[in-house]
Amino acid sequence: MLLSIFIRTVIIYVILTITMRIMGKRQLGELDVSELVIAILLSEIASLPITNEEKPLMQAFIPMVTLAVLEILSSSLILKSPFAKKLLSSKPSVIIARGVIDRKAMKKVRISLEDLISQIRQNGIYDLEEVDYAILEENGKMSIIPKSCYRQPDRNDLQLPDDNSGVMHLVVSDSVINNHTLRILGKDEAWVMRKLNKQGCALKEVFCMTCNDKGELYIIKKDGRSIRPHK
């Protein structure tokens, strides 16, 4: 009996994992209403054949696949049809516009002033006067845009040269070369070894090695020392 439960649990886990991957990679906090409903249904359906051995696995497999297909179809329909998007998707709600709080919008989305202030604080703003726009997005998250006079200056404002180094890529993790990263960078293992040899560092000594889109390296050795080689 215990072995049967174990096997059924593993099978349901694999099916559920595949189903969720097919549906996409969005986190729970980013799900819209329909996606959240499907996530709850999937968890309920998946638990039935695990706790009740009399139920065949197909009673879980078929509904799970059906829900995944329905979600994919509805997502495709929303992308292609403005009418379907209007019918099935929620719209962002503007809570503050040009520094003015819209009380009607707050009542419509049932958000209190305390909740609004909490969301503003979580966005690093501590005074209502500094807020230009506050928008409650479709996924339930609040986007806060400060007034221009309170925004942090960027490189253009400070008239600094653009130093866009791009994305950091993990090349070596605990002495293991990441070939997927090398394919993204258009490099090979020989390139990694050349870079390490140039720094007098063996692969087995490397805890972490990263490379950004400009080709700048950063190496952390297992003894805690770090190396920032010049290009």
Foldseek 3Di string as FASTA:
>chain_A
DVVLLVVLLVVLVVLLVVLVVLLHDDDPLQDFPLRVVLVVVLVVLSVVCNVDVVDDSVSSNVVSVVSSVVSVVLVVCLVVDVVSVVVPFDAKQKQAAQLRGDVVSCVVVVHDPVNVQVLCVVVVDNDSNQWHTWIQGRSRHIDTDGDPVPDDDDCVNVVHDDDPQADKDWQAAQLRGDVVSCVVLVHDVVVVCVVQVVVVHDSNQWHTWIATNVGWIWTAGPVGDIDGDDD
